[in-house]
Amino acid sequence: MPSQAKKSEQHSRQCNYQGGDGRRTTRKGGNTMEDGTIVHVDYELYNNETGDLIETTREAVAKEHDAHQENRSYEPMVCIVGGGQLIPGFEEALAGAKKGKETEVVIAPVDAYGEKDAEQVETISIDKLIRAVQDPNALYIGAPVTINGRQGQLSYLAAGRARIDYNHPMAGKSLKYSFNIVDVVEGKEDQVTALLQANTGHSGFEVSFSGDDLSIVLPQTMLFDTNAAMLKFRLVTTIRDAVECGKVSFIEVHEPRGFGVENNDEEETQDEGEDLSSLSVAELKERCKAAGLPVGGKKADLIARLSEEEE
């Protein structure tokens, strides 16, 4: 299931099945959701054997399990039913689910990230490991490492030898999902907007169709995204796989610095005393991007930059 990777950033985010053999799930009749349906899903993912929470889109659940991340935006994930981007067991469960109904499903390793493969475990010398990592002092059991272009986890380190496990971190594990389809996205414009937000982490897109041709006005915040150029190519593929469209045009509108900031006394009075600390890190970064300010650093750094800019 998702990469939170990512995801976890991730996150409106899109569900991704990373690892395994990339199979698309073959489903039998009786499905509630048609292939290609775009949905918003709230879910929890647990290790079914230990009961440990692995991932959630619901903030209250994260707090309950002492897994809350301050710089994470908790919101439903965008998934395409039958898109082949989910682990097979969850793909099957999602297709048979109903909007608004909490559903629970246990998924065996074969329908999740596969069984552990002993051939995907390599033993190397510590010298080779040290040459491959940037900071040997940061190594620990479970640490991600890349050896000859392959990413794995350090699973053993002793007696001059190191063992690297290239299996997916959740390989061999039975998983449990508790999920709810909170919304089914209808209308081509809304579907495109949902996909854009899920795949970029930005909001404020203006989407319109002229016949089959699609026009997308990019939000100001995305103009400061250094990955935007490459991202557009992937977005076109994602959109065309999910929504019928012809020509796809991305429109950039470069407003003057300070655009949208009124200097009248009324708005100054309204803005005066705004508690920036009440905003999430993601919201603070959006404001920094819009103001042309750096977005790196901790929450306190972002607040300080915005405060200085206002002064």
C-alpha atoms as a PDB file:
ATOM      1  CA  MET A   1       0.000   0.000   0.000  1.00  0.00           C
ATOM      2  CA  PRO A   2       1.075   3.534   0.111  1.00  0.00           C
ATOM      3  CA  SER A   3       4.335   4.767   0.121  1.00  0.00           C
ATOM      4  CA  GLN A   4       4.012   7.396   2.353  1.00  0.00           C
ATOM      5  CA  ALA A   5       6.432   7.912   0.862  1.00  0.00           C
ATOM      6  CA  LYS A   6       5.974   9.102   0.879  1.00  0.00           C
ATOM      7  CA  LYS A   7       2.944   9.128   1.461  1.00  0.00           C
ATOM      8  CA  SER A   8       3.603   9.985   3.988  1.00  0.00           C
ATOM      9  CA  GLU A   9       4.053  13.442   2.682  1.00  0.00           C
ATOM     10  CA  GLN A  10       2.598  12.802   1.754  1.00  0.00           C
ATOM     11  CA  HIS A  11      -0.399  12.749   1.953  1.00  0.00           C
ATOM     12  CA  SER A  12      -4.179  14.464  -0.233  1.00  0.00           C
ATOM     13  CA  ARG A  13      -1.930  11.663  -1.551  1.00  0.00           C
ATOM     14  CA  GLN A  14      -2.415   8.764  -3.940  1.00  0.00           C
ATOM     15  CA  CYS A  15      -2.276   5.125  -2.861  1.00  0.00           C
ATOM     16  CA  ASN A  16       0.737   3.351  -4.283  1.00  0.00           C
ATOM     17  CA  TYR A  17       1.718  -0.315  -4.307  1.00  0.00           C
ATOM     18  CA  GLN A  18       5.503  -0.302  -4.167  1.00  0.00           C
ATOM     19  CA  GLY A  19       7.319  -3.581  -4.106  1.00  0.00           C
ATOM     20  CA  GLY A  20       6.111  -7.062  -5.029  1.00  0.00           C
ATOM     21  CA  ASP A  21       5.792  -8.102  -8.647  1.00  0.00           C
ATOM     22  CA  GLY A  22       3.618  -5.239  -9.844  1.00  0.00           C
ATOM     23  CA  ARG A  23       0.645  -7.525 -10.457  1.00  0.00           C
ATOM     24  CA  ARG A  24      -2.733  -6.111 -11.294  1.00  0.00           C
ATOM     25  CA  THR A  25      -5.468  -7.819  -9.333  1.00  0.00           C
ATOM     26  CA  THR A  26      -7.889 -10.051 -11.219  1.00  0.00           C
ATOM     27  CA  ARG A  27     -11.246  -9.737  -9.497  1.00  0.00           C
ATOM     28  CA  LYS A  28     -14.384 -11.788  -9.780  1.00  0.00           C
ATOM     29  CA  GLY A  29     -17.967 -10.518 -10.013  1.00  0.00           C
ATOM     30  CA  GLY A  30     -19.946  -8.802  -7.285  1.00  0.00           C
ATOM     31  CA  ASN A  31     -17.829  -5.660  -7.064  1.00  0.00           C
ATOM     32  CA  THR A  32     -19.448  -2.499  -5.741  1.00  0.00           C
ATOM     33  CA  MET A  33     -16.921  -0.054  -7.209  1.00  0.00           C
ATOM     34  CA  GLU A  34     -16.264  -0.035 -10.955  1.00  0.00           C
ATOM     35  CA  ASP A  35     -12.717   0.004 -12.278  1.00  0.00           C
ATOM     36  CA  GLY A  36     -11.530   3.553 -12.856  1.00  0.00           C
ATOM     37  CA  THR A  37     -13.633   5.050 -10.048  1.00  0.00           C
ATOM     38  CA  ILE A  38     -11.687   7.742  -8.193  1.00  0.00           C
ATOM     39  CA  VAL A  39     -12.302   7.674  -4.447  1.00  0.00           C
ATOM     40  CA  HIS A  40     -11.134   9.311  -1.228  1.00  0.00           C
ATOM     41  CA  VAL A  41     -10.263   6.686   1.386  1.00  0.00           C
ATOM     42  CA  ASP A  42      -9.591   6.986   5.109  1.00  0.00           C
ATOM     43  CA  TYR A  43      -7.756   3.965   6.458  1.00  0.00           C
ATOM     44  CA  GLU A  44      -5.584   2.358   9.100  1.00  0.00           C
ATOM     45  CA  LEU A  45      -2.946  -0.232   8.281  1.00  0.00           C
ATOM     46  CA  TYR A  46      -1.892  -2.615  11.070  1.00  0.00           C
ATOM     47  CA  ASN A  47       0.564  -5.462  11.447  1.00  0.00           C
ATOM     48  CA  ASN A  48      -2.033  -8.194  11.895  1.00  0.00           C
ATOM     49  CA  GLU A  49       0.319 -10.332  13.972  1.00  0.00           C
ATOM     50  CA  THR A  50       1.352  -7.694  16.519  1.00  0.00           C
ATOM     51  CA  GLY A  51      -1.522  -5.216  16.260  1.00  0.00           C
ATOM     52  CA  ASP A  52       0.955  -2.355  15.743  1.00  0.00           C
ATOM     53  CA  LEU A  53      -0.279   0.612  13.730  1.00  0.00           C
ATOM     54  CA  ILE A  54       1.810   1.069  10.578  1.00  0.00           C
ATOM     55  CA  GLU A  55      -0.002   3.919   8.837  1.00  0.00           C
ATOM     56  CA  THR A  56      -3.193   5.989   9.116  1.00  0.00           C
ATOM     57  CA  THR A  57      -4.862   8.918   7.392  1.00  0.00           C
ATOM     58  CA  ARG A  58      -6.891   9.810  10.500  1.00  0.00           C
ATOM     59  CA  GLU A  59      -5.245  12.194  12.949  1.00  0.00           C
ATOM     60  CA  ALA A  60      -7.259  11.044  15.971  1.00  0.00           C
ATOM     61  CA  VAL A  61      -6.110   7.454  15.431  1.00  0.00           C
ATOM     62  CA  ALA A  62      -2.475   8.553  15.100  1.00  0.00           C
ATOM     63  CA  LYS A  63      -2.717  10.400  18.427  1.00  0.00           C
ATOM     64  CA  GLU A  64      -4.414   7.425  20.078  1.00  0.00           C
ATOM     65  CA  HIS A  65      -1.486   5.187  19.094  1.00  0.00           C
ATOM     66  CA  ASP A  66       1.198   7.776  19.972  1.00  0.00           C
ATOM     67  CA  ALA A  67       2.130   7.913  16.288  1.00  0.00           C
ATOM     68  CA  HIS A  68       1.147  11.506  15.528  1.00  0.00           C
ATOM     69  CA  GLN A  69       3.467  13.455  13.222  1.00  0.00           C
ATOM     70  CA  GLU A  70       3.285  17.219  13.638  1.00  0.00           C
ATOM     71  CA  ASN A  71       4.472  18.036  10.114  1.00  0.00           C
ATOM     72  CA  ARG A  72       2.076  15.581   8.468  1.00  0.00           C
ATOM     73  CA  SER A  73      -1.242  16.531   6.883  1.00  0.00           C
ATOM     74  CA  TYR A  74      -3.897  13.950   7.815  1.00  0.00           C
ATOM     75  CA  GLU A  75      -6.536  13.608   5.112  1.00  0.00           C
ATOM     76  CA  PRO A  76      -8.122  10.860   2.998  1.00  0.00           C
ATOM     77  CA  MET A  77      -6.008   9.385   0.237  1.00  0.00           C
ATOM     78  CA  VAL A  78      -6.968   9.426  -3.426  1.00  0.00           C
ATOM     79  CA  CYS A  79      -7.145   5.988  -5.028  1.00  0.00           C
ATOM     80  CA  ILE A  80      -8.206   4.752  -8.460  1.00  0.00           C
ATOM     81  CA  VAL A  81     -10.196   1.525  -8.171  1.00  0.00           C
ATOM     82  CA  GLY A  82      -8.662  -1.138 -10.401  1.00  0.00           C
ATOM     83  CA  GLY A  83      -5.694   1.087 -11.206  1.00  0.00           C
ATOM     84  CA  GLY A  84      -3.167  -1.594 -10.272  1.00  0.00           C
ATOM     85  CA  GLN A  85      -1.427   0.735  -7.827  1.00  0.00           C
ATOM     86  CA  LEU A  86      -2.518  -1.049  -4.654  1.00  0.00           C
ATOM     87  CA  ILE A  87      -1.429  -4.317  -3.124  1.00  0.00           C
ATOM     88  CA  PRO A  88      -3.682  -7.049  -4.554  1.00  0.00           C
ATOM     89  CA  GLY A  89      -5.533  -7.825  -1.308  1.00  0.00           C
ATOM     90  CA  PHE A  90      -6.460  -4.208  -0.695  1.00  0.00           C
ATOM     91  CA  GLU A  91      -7.388  -3.748  -4.370  1.00  0.00           C
ATOM     92  CA  GLU A  92      -9.865  -6.604  -3.986  1.00  0.00           C
ATOM     93  CA  ALA A  93     -11.324  -5.208  -0.758  1.00  0.00           C
ATOM     94  CA  LEU A  94     -11.658  -1.684  -2.134  1.00  0.00           C
ATOM     95  CA  ALA A  95     -13.516  -2.897  -5.219  1.00  0.00           C
ATOM     96  CA  GLY A  96     -16.104  -4.650  -3.054  1.00  0.00           C
ATOM     97  CA  ALA A  97     -16.577  -1.840  -0.541  1.00  0.00           C
ATOM     98  CA  LYS A  98     -19.403   0.675  -0.229  1.00  0.00           C
ATOM     99  CA  LYS A  99     -19.143   4.411   0.300  1.00  0.00           C
ATOM    100  CA  GLY A 100     -19.552   5.404   3.944  1.00  0.00           C
ATOM    101  CA  LYS A 101     -19.221   1.873   5.355  1.00  0.00           C
ATOM    102  CA  GLU A 102     -16.269   1.050   7.616  1.00  0.00           C
ATOM    103  CA  THR A 103     -14.644  -2.122   6.287  1.00  0.00           C
ATOM    104  CA  GLU A 104     -12.008  -4.383   7.796  1.00  0.00           C
ATOM    105  CA  VAL A 105      -9.927  -6.909   5.903  1.00  0.00           C
ATOM    106  CA  VAL A 106      -6.959  -9.139   6.789  1.00  0.00           C
ATOM    107  CA  ILE A 107      -4.484  -9.696   3.950  1.00  0.00           C
ATOM    108  CA  ALA A 108      -2.042 -12.598   3.784  1.00  0.00           C
ATOM    109  CA  PRO A 109       1.559 -11.909   2.679  1.00  0.00           C
ATOM    110  CA  VAL A 110       0.967 -13.469  -0.753  1.00  0.00           C
ATOM    111  CA  ASP A 111      -1.670 -10.801  -1.451  1.00  0.00           C
ATOM    112  CA  ALA A 112       0.334  -8.015   0.185  1.00  0.00           C
ATOM    113  CA  TYR A 113       4.086  -7.570  -0.252  1.00  0.00           C
ATOM    114  CA  GLY A 114       4.941 -11.225  -0.776  1.00  0.00           C
ATOM    115  CA  GLU A 115       6.770 -13.767   1.356  1.00  0.00           C
ATOM    116  CA  LYS A 116      10.321 -13.232   2.520  1.00  0.00           C
ATOM    117  CA  ASP A 117      12.787 -14.351  -0.162  1.00  0.00           C
ATOM    118  CA  ALA A 118      16.085 -15.680   1.224  1.00  0.00           C
ATOM    119  CA  GLU A 119      17.782 -14.894  -2.081  1.00  0.00           C
ATOM    120  CA  GLN A 120      17.084 -11.213  -1.464  1.00  0.00           C
ATOM    121  CA  VAL A 121      19.402 -11.225   1.576  1.00  0.00           C
ATOM    122  CA  GLU A 122      23.118 -10.560   1.028  1.00  0.00           C
ATOM    123  CA  THR A 123      26.060 -10.795   3.413  1.00  0.00           C
ATOM    124  CA  ILE A 124      28.921  -8.376   2.740  1.00  0.00           C
ATOM    125  CA  SER A 125      32.036  -7.166   4.535  1.00  0.00           C
ATOM    126  CA  ILE A 126      31.799  -4.179   6.848  1.00  0.00           C
ATOM    127  CA  ASP A 127      34.446  -2.459   4.709  1.00  0.00           C
ATOM    128  CA  LYS A 128      32.175  -2.683   1.661  1.00  0.00           C
ATOM    129  CA  LEU A 129      29.250  -1.364   3.706  1.00  0.00           C
ATOM    130  CA  ILE A 130      31.256   1.608   4.994  1.00  0.00           C
ATOM    131  CA  ARG A 131      32.404   2.501   1.468  1.00  0.00           C
ATOM    132  CA  ALA A 132      28.791   2.487   0.288  1.00  0.00           C
ATOM    133  CA  VAL A 133      27.284   4.802   2.922  1.00  0.00           C
ATOM    134  CA  GLN A 134      27.804   8.518   3.430  1.00  0.00           C
ATOM    135  CA  ASP A 135      27.908   8.438   7.218  1.00  0.00           C
ATOM    136  CA  PRO A 136      29.042   5.122   8.772  1.00  0.00           C
ATOM    137  CA  ASN A 137      28.357   6.521  12.239  1.00  0.00           C
ATOM    138  CA  ALA A 138      24.654   6.729  11.409  1.00  0.00           C
ATOM    139  CA  LEU A 139      24.320   2.985  10.771  1.00  0.00           C
ATOM    140  CA  TYR A 140      21.939   0.963  12.921  1.00  0.00           C
ATOM    141  CA  ILE A 141      19.963  -2.257  12.621  1.00  0.00           C
ATOM    142  CA  GLY A 142      17.041  -1.491  10.346  1.00  0.00           C
ATOM    143  CA  ALA A 143      18.768   1.469   8.690  1.00  0.00           C
ATOM    144  CA  PRO A 144      18.118   1.908   4.946  1.00  0.00           C
ATOM    145  CA  VAL A 145      21.259   1.360   2.865  1.00  0.00           C
ATOM    146  CA  THR A 146      21.995   1.353  -0.859  1.00  0.00           C
ATOM    147  CA  ILE A 147      24.525  -1.162  -2.176  1.00  0.00           C
ATOM    148  CA  ASN A 148      25.396  -1.107  -5.893  1.00  0.00           C
ATOM    149  CA  GLY A 149      22.190   0.742  -6.659  1.00  0.00           C
ATOM    150  CA  ARG A 150      19.944  -1.634  -4.664  1.00  0.00           C
ATOM    151  CA  GLN A 151      18.140  -0.310  -1.609  1.00  0.00           C
ATOM    152  CA  GLY A 152      17.720  -2.565   1.392  1.00  0.00           C
ATOM    153  CA  GLN A 153      17.843  -2.619   5.165  1.00  0.00           C
ATOM    154  CA  LEU A 154      20.736  -3.421   7.456  1.00  0.00           C
ATOM    155  CA  SER A 155      19.568  -6.509   9.386  1.00  0.00           C
ATOM    156  CA  TYR A 156      22.818  -7.715  10.996  1.00  0.00           C
ATOM    157  CA  LEU A 157      26.175  -6.164  11.857  1.00  0.00           C
ATOM    158  CA  ALA A 158      28.888  -8.053  13.752  1.00  0.00           C
ATOM    159  CA  ALA A 159      32.204  -9.875  13.421  1.00  0.00           C
ATOM    160  CA  GLY A 160      33.287  -7.881  10.411  1.00  0.00           C
ATOM    161  CA  ARG A 161      30.199  -8.820   8.395  1.00  0.00           C
ATOM    162  CA  ALA A 162      26.956  -7.061   7.520  1.00  0.00           C
ATOM    163  CA  ARG A 163      23.698  -8.549   6.279  1.00  0.00           C
ATOM    164  CA  ILE A 164      21.541  -6.521   3.897  1.00  0.00           C
ATOM    165  CA  ASP A 165      17.888  -7.474   3.377  1.00  0.00           C
ATOM    166  CA  TYR A 166      16.515  -6.316   0.008  1.00  0.00           C
ATOM    167  CA  ASN A 167      13.006  -7.634   0.651  1.00  0.00           C
ATOM    168  CA  HIS A 168      10.234  -5.075   1.029  1.00  0.00           C
ATOM    169  CA  PRO A 169      10.070  -4.032   4.729  1.00  0.00           C
ATOM    170  CA  MET A 170       6.572  -5.539   4.981  1.00  0.00           C
ATOM    171  CA  ALA A 171       7.368  -8.759   3.105  1.00  0.00           C
ATOM    172  CA  GLY A 172       6.225 -11.846   4.998  1.00  0.00           C
ATOM    173  CA  LYS A 173       3.770  -9.889   7.142  1.00  0.00           C
ATOM    174  CA  SER A 174       0.046 -10.397   7.442  1.00  0.00           C
ATOM    175  CA  LEU A 175      -1.647  -6.988   7.272  1.00  0.00           C
ATOM    176  CA  LYS A 176      -4.986  -5.652   8.455  1.00  0.00           C
ATOM    177  CA  TYR A 177      -6.757  -2.677   6.906  1.00  0.00           C
ATOM    178  CA  SER A 178      -9.637  -0.777   8.443  1.00  0.00           C
ATOM    179  CA  PHE A 179     -10.940   1.664   5.832  1.00  0.00           C
ATOM    180  CA  ASN A 180     -13.856   3.797   4.723  1.00  0.00           C
ATOM    181  CA  ILE A 181     -14.560   5.254   1.279  1.00  0.00           C
ATOM    182  CA  VAL A 182     -15.550   8.757   2.359  1.00  0.00           C
ATOM    183  CA  ASP A 183     -16.181  10.148  -1.116  1.00  0.00           C
ATOM    184  CA  VAL A 184     -16.578   9.054  -4.733  1.00  0.00           C
ATOM    185  CA  VAL A 185     -15.288  11.780  -7.054  1.00  0.00           C
ATOM    186  CA  GLU A 186     -17.750  12.612  -9.838  1.00  0.00           C
ATOM    187  CA  GLY A 187     -17.257  14.956 -12.798  1.00  0.00           C
ATOM    188  CA  LYS A 188     -14.162  15.199 -14.971  1.00  0.00           C
ATOM    189  CA  GLU A 189     -12.971  18.531 -13.539  1.00  0.00           C
ATOM    190  CA  ASP A 190     -13.234  17.272  -9.952  1.00  0.00           C
ATOM    191  CA  GLN A 191     -11.524  14.006 -10.875  1.00  0.00           C
ATOM    192  CA  VAL A 192      -8.587  15.815 -12.473  1.00  0.00           C
ATOM    193  CA  THR A 193      -8.338  18.180  -9.509  1.00  0.00           C
ATOM    194  CA  ALA A 194      -8.242  15.264  -7.064  1.00  0.00           C
ATOM    195  CA  LEU A 195      -5.475  13.557  -9.054  1.00  0.00           C
ATOM    196  CA  LEU A 196      -3.458  16.777  -9.266  1.00  0.00           C
ATOM    197  CA  GLN A 197      -3.647  17.429  -5.539  1.00  0.00           C
ATOM    198  CA  ALA A 198      -2.843  13.805  -4.694  1.00  0.00           C
ATOM    199  CA  ASN A 199       0.212  13.649  -6.949  1.00  0.00           C
ATOM    200  CA  THR A 200       1.719  17.073  -6.251  1.00  0.00           C
ATOM    201  CA  GLY A 201       0.808  17.988  -2.664  1.00  0.00           C
ATOM    202  CA  HIS A 202      -0.385  21.374  -3.962  1.00  0.00           C
ATOM    203  CA  SER A 203      -3.897  22.847  -4.013  1.00  0.00           C
ATOM    204  CA  GLY A 204      -5.493  25.729  -5.891  1.00  0.00           C
ATOM    205  CA  PHE A 205      -5.497  24.233  -9.397  1.00  0.00           C
ATOM    206  CA  GLU A 206      -7.957  25.727 -11.901  1.00  0.00           C
ATOM    207  CA  VAL A 207      -9.202  22.929 -14.154  1.00  0.00           C
ATOM    208  CA  SER A 208     -11.404  23.332 -17.231  1.00  0.00           C
ATOM    209  CA  PHE A 209     -12.365  21.389 -20.340  1.00  0.00           C
ATOM    210  CA  SER A 210     -13.018  22.736 -23.821  1.00  0.00           C
ATOM    211  CA  GLY A 211     -14.515  19.728 -25.521  1.00  0.00           C
ATOM    212  CA  ASP A 212     -12.008  16.976 -24.765  1.00  0.00           C
ATOM    213  CA  ASP A 213      -9.055  19.354 -24.354  1.00  0.00           C
ATOM    214  CA  LEU A 214      -7.927  19.970 -20.789  1.00  0.00           C
ATOM    215  CA  SER A 215      -6.451  23.210 -19.411  1.00  0.00           C
ATOM    216  CA  ILE A 216      -4.795  23.372 -16.006  1.00  0.00           C
ATOM    217  CA  VAL A 217      -3.802  26.683 -14.415  1.00  0.00           C
ATOM    218  CA  LEU A 218      -1.047  25.891 -11.936  1.00  0.00           C
ATOM    219  CA  PRO A 219      -1.212  27.414  -8.442  1.00  0.00           C
ATOM    220  CA  GLN A 220       1.390  30.023  -7.547  1.00  0.00           C
ATOM    221  CA  THR A 221       2.938  27.687  -4.962  1.00  0.00           C
ATOM    222  CA  MET A 222       3.783  25.109  -7.629  1.00  0.00           C
ATOM    223  CA  LEU A 223       5.794  27.652  -9.610  1.00  0.00           C
ATOM    224  CA  PHE A 224       8.426  27.489  -6.848  1.00  0.00           C
ATOM    225  CA  ASP A 225       8.538  23.666  -6.936  1.00  0.00           C
ATOM    226  CA  THR A 226      11.900  22.622  -8.405  1.00  0.00           C
ATOM    227  CA  ASN A 227      10.404  19.278  -9.439  1.00  0.00           C
ATOM    228  CA  ALA A 228       7.456  20.816 -11.298  1.00  0.00           C
ATOM    229  CA  ALA A 229       8.910  20.411 -14.802  1.00  0.00           C
ATOM    230  CA  MET A 230       9.434  16.648 -14.500  1.00  0.00           C
ATOM    231  CA  LEU A 231       6.223  16.283 -12.536  1.00  0.00           C
ATOM    232  CA  LYS A 232       4.124  17.551 -15.447  1.00  0.00           C
ATOM    233  CA  PHE A 233       5.083  14.600 -17.657  1.00  0.00           C
ATOM    234  CA  ARG A 234       3.998  12.130 -14.979  1.00  0.00           C
ATOM    235  CA  LEU A 235       0.796  14.050 -14.340  1.00  0.00           C
ATOM    236  CA  VAL A 236      -0.240  13.842 -17.994  1.00  0.00           C
ATOM    237  CA  THR A 237       0.141  10.051 -17.915  1.00  0.00           C
ATOM    238  CA  THR A 238      -1.741   9.753 -14.619  1.00  0.00           C
ATOM    239  CA  ILE A 239      -4.611  11.939 -15.800  1.00  0.00           C
ATOM    240  CA  ARG A 240      -4.978  10.215 -19.168  1.00  0.00           C
ATOM    241  CA  ASP A 241      -5.012   6.798 -17.516  1.00  0.00           C
ATOM    242  CA  ALA A 242      -7.960   7.861 -15.351  1.00  0.00           C
ATOM    243  CA  VAL A 243      -9.919  10.486 -17.327  1.00  0.00           C
ATOM    244  CA  GLU A 244     -10.697  10.666 -21.036  1.00  0.00           C
ATOM    245  CA  CYS A 245      -9.126  13.817 -22.466  1.00  0.00           C
ATOM    246  CA  GLY A 246      -7.419  15.167 -25.564  1.00  0.00           C
ATOM    247  CA  LYS A 247      -4.758  17.852 -25.460  1.00  0.00           C
ATOM    248  CA  VAL A 248      -3.446  18.714 -21.983  1.00  0.00           C
ATOM    249  CA  SER A 249      -2.193  22.270 -21.416  1.00  0.00           C
ATOM    250  CA  PHE A 250      -0.456  23.545 -18.284  1.00  0.00           C
ATOM    251  CA  ILE A 251      -0.780  27.299 -17.800  1.00  0.00           C
ATOM    252  CA  GLU A 252       1.608  29.269 -15.596  1.00  0.00           C
ATOM    253  CA  VAL A 253       0.558  32.711 -14.407  1.00  0.00           C
ATOM    254  CA  HIS A 254       3.464  34.595 -12.840  1.00  0.00           C
ATOM    255  CA  GLU A 255       1.974  37.260 -10.588  1.00  0.00           C
ATOM    256  CA  PRO A 256       4.066  40.170  -9.253  1.00  0.00           C
ATOM    257  CA  ARG A 257       5.684  39.709  -5.864  1.00  0.00           C
ATOM    258  CA  GLY A 258       3.205  40.342  -3.085  1.00  0.00           C
ATOM    259  CA  PHE A 259       0.220  39.599  -5.332  1.00  0.00           C
ATOM    260  CA  GLY A 260      -2.998  39.263  -3.356  1.00  0.00           C
ATOM    261  CA  VAL A 261      -1.753  41.273  -0.379  1.00  0.00           C
ATOM    262  CA  GLU A 262      -3.969  44.319   0.155  1.00  0.00           C
ATOM    263  CA  ASN A 263      -2.611  47.281   2.067  1.00  0.00           C
ATOM    264  CA  ASN A 264      -5.890  48.825   3.169  1.00  0.00           C
ATOM    265  CA  ASP A 265      -6.388  49.495   6.840  1.00  0.00           C
ATOM    266  CA  GLU A 266      -9.281  47.059   7.162  1.00  0.00           C
ATOM    267  CA  GLU A 267      -7.290  44.017   6.046  1.00  0.00           C
ATOM    268  CA  GLU A 268      -4.257  45.082   8.049  1.00  0.00           C
ATOM    269  CA  THR A 269      -6.478  45.142  11.102  1.00  0.00           C
ATOM    270  CA  GLN A 270      -7.830  41.684  10.286  1.00  0.00           C
ATOM    271  CA  ASP A 271      -4.376  40.218   9.719  1.00  0.00           C
ATOM    272  CA  GLU A 272      -2.826  41.880  12.756  1.00  0.00           C
ATOM    273  CA  GLY A 273      -2.289  39.435  15.541  1.00  0.00           C
ATOM    274  CA  GLU A 274      -2.726  36.286  13.423  1.00  0.00           C
ATOM    275  CA  ASP A 275      -1.379  33.302  15.302  1.00  0.00           C
ATOM    276  CA  LEU A 276       0.968  31.668  12.789  1.00  0.00           C
ATOM    277  CA  SER A 277       1.750  28.925  15.287  1.00  0.00           C
ATOM    278  CA  SER A 278      -1.784  27.605  14.838  1.00  0.00           C
ATOM    279  CA  LEU A 279      -0.992  26.729  11.211  1.00  0.00           C
ATOM    280  CA  SER A 280       0.421  23.345  10.216  1.00  0.00           C
ATOM    281  CA  VAL A 281       3.937  23.031   8.781  1.00  0.00           C
ATOM    282  CA  ALA A 282       2.424  22.288   5.354  1.00  0.00           C
ATOM    283  CA  GLU A 283       0.332  25.485   5.510  1.00  0.00           C
ATOM    284  CA  LEU A 284       3.335  27.540   6.604  1.00  0.00           C
ATOM    285  CA  LYS A 285       5.400  26.163   3.712  1.00  0.00           C
ATOM    286  CA  GLU A 286       2.615  27.055   1.271  1.00  0.00           C
ATOM    287  CA  ARG A 287       2.704  30.655   2.529  1.00  0.00           C
ATOM    288  CA  CYS A 288       6.484  30.772   2.302  1.00  0.00           C
ATOM    289  CA  LYS A 289       6.390  29.492  -1.274  1.00  0.00           C
ATOM    290  CA  ALA A 290       3.775  32.061  -2.246  1.00  0.00           C
ATOM    291  CA  ALA A 291       5.932  34.825  -0.749  1.00  0.00           C
ATOM    292  CA  GLY A 292       9.095  33.608  -2.474  1.00  0.00           C
ATOM    293  CA  LEU A 293      10.691  32.601   0.827  1.00  0.00           C
ATOM    294  CA  PRO A 294      12.762  29.478   1.602  1.00  0.00           C
ATOM    295  CA  VAL A 295      10.688  26.526   2.824  1.00  0.00           C
ATOM    296  CA  GLY A 296      13.374  24.575   4.671  1.00  0.00           C
ATOM    297  CA  GLY A 297      13.815  24.313   8.404  1.00  0.00           C
ATOM    298  CA  LYS A 298      11.600  23.684  11.397  1.00  0.00           C
ATOM    299  CA  LYS A 299       8.200  25.183  12.151  1.00  0.00           C
ATOM    300  CA  ALA A 300       9.759  27.964  14.203  1.00  0.00           C
ATOM    301  CA  ASP A 301      12.011  28.933  11.270  1.00  0.00           C
ATOM    302  CA  LEU A 302       9.024  29.163   8.906  1.00  0.00           C
ATOM    303  CA  ILE A 303       7.085  31.339  11.362  1.00  0.00           C
ATOM    304  CA  ALA A 304      10.090  33.624  11.803  1.00  0.00           C
ATOM    305  CA  ARG A 305      10.465  34.130   8.038  1.00  0.00           C
ATOM    306  CA  LEU A 306       6.801  34.920   7.563  1.00  0.00           C
ATOM    307  CA  SER A 307       6.799  37.305  10.514  1.00  0.00           C
ATOM    308  CA  GLU A 308       9.822  39.175   9.145  1.00  0.00           C
ATOM    309  CA  GLU A 309       8.190  39.372   5.706  1.00  0.00           C
ATOM    310  CA  GLU A 310       5.017  40.881   7.177  1.00  0.00           C
ATOM    311  CA  GLU A 311       7.054  43.513   9.022  1.00  0.00           C
END
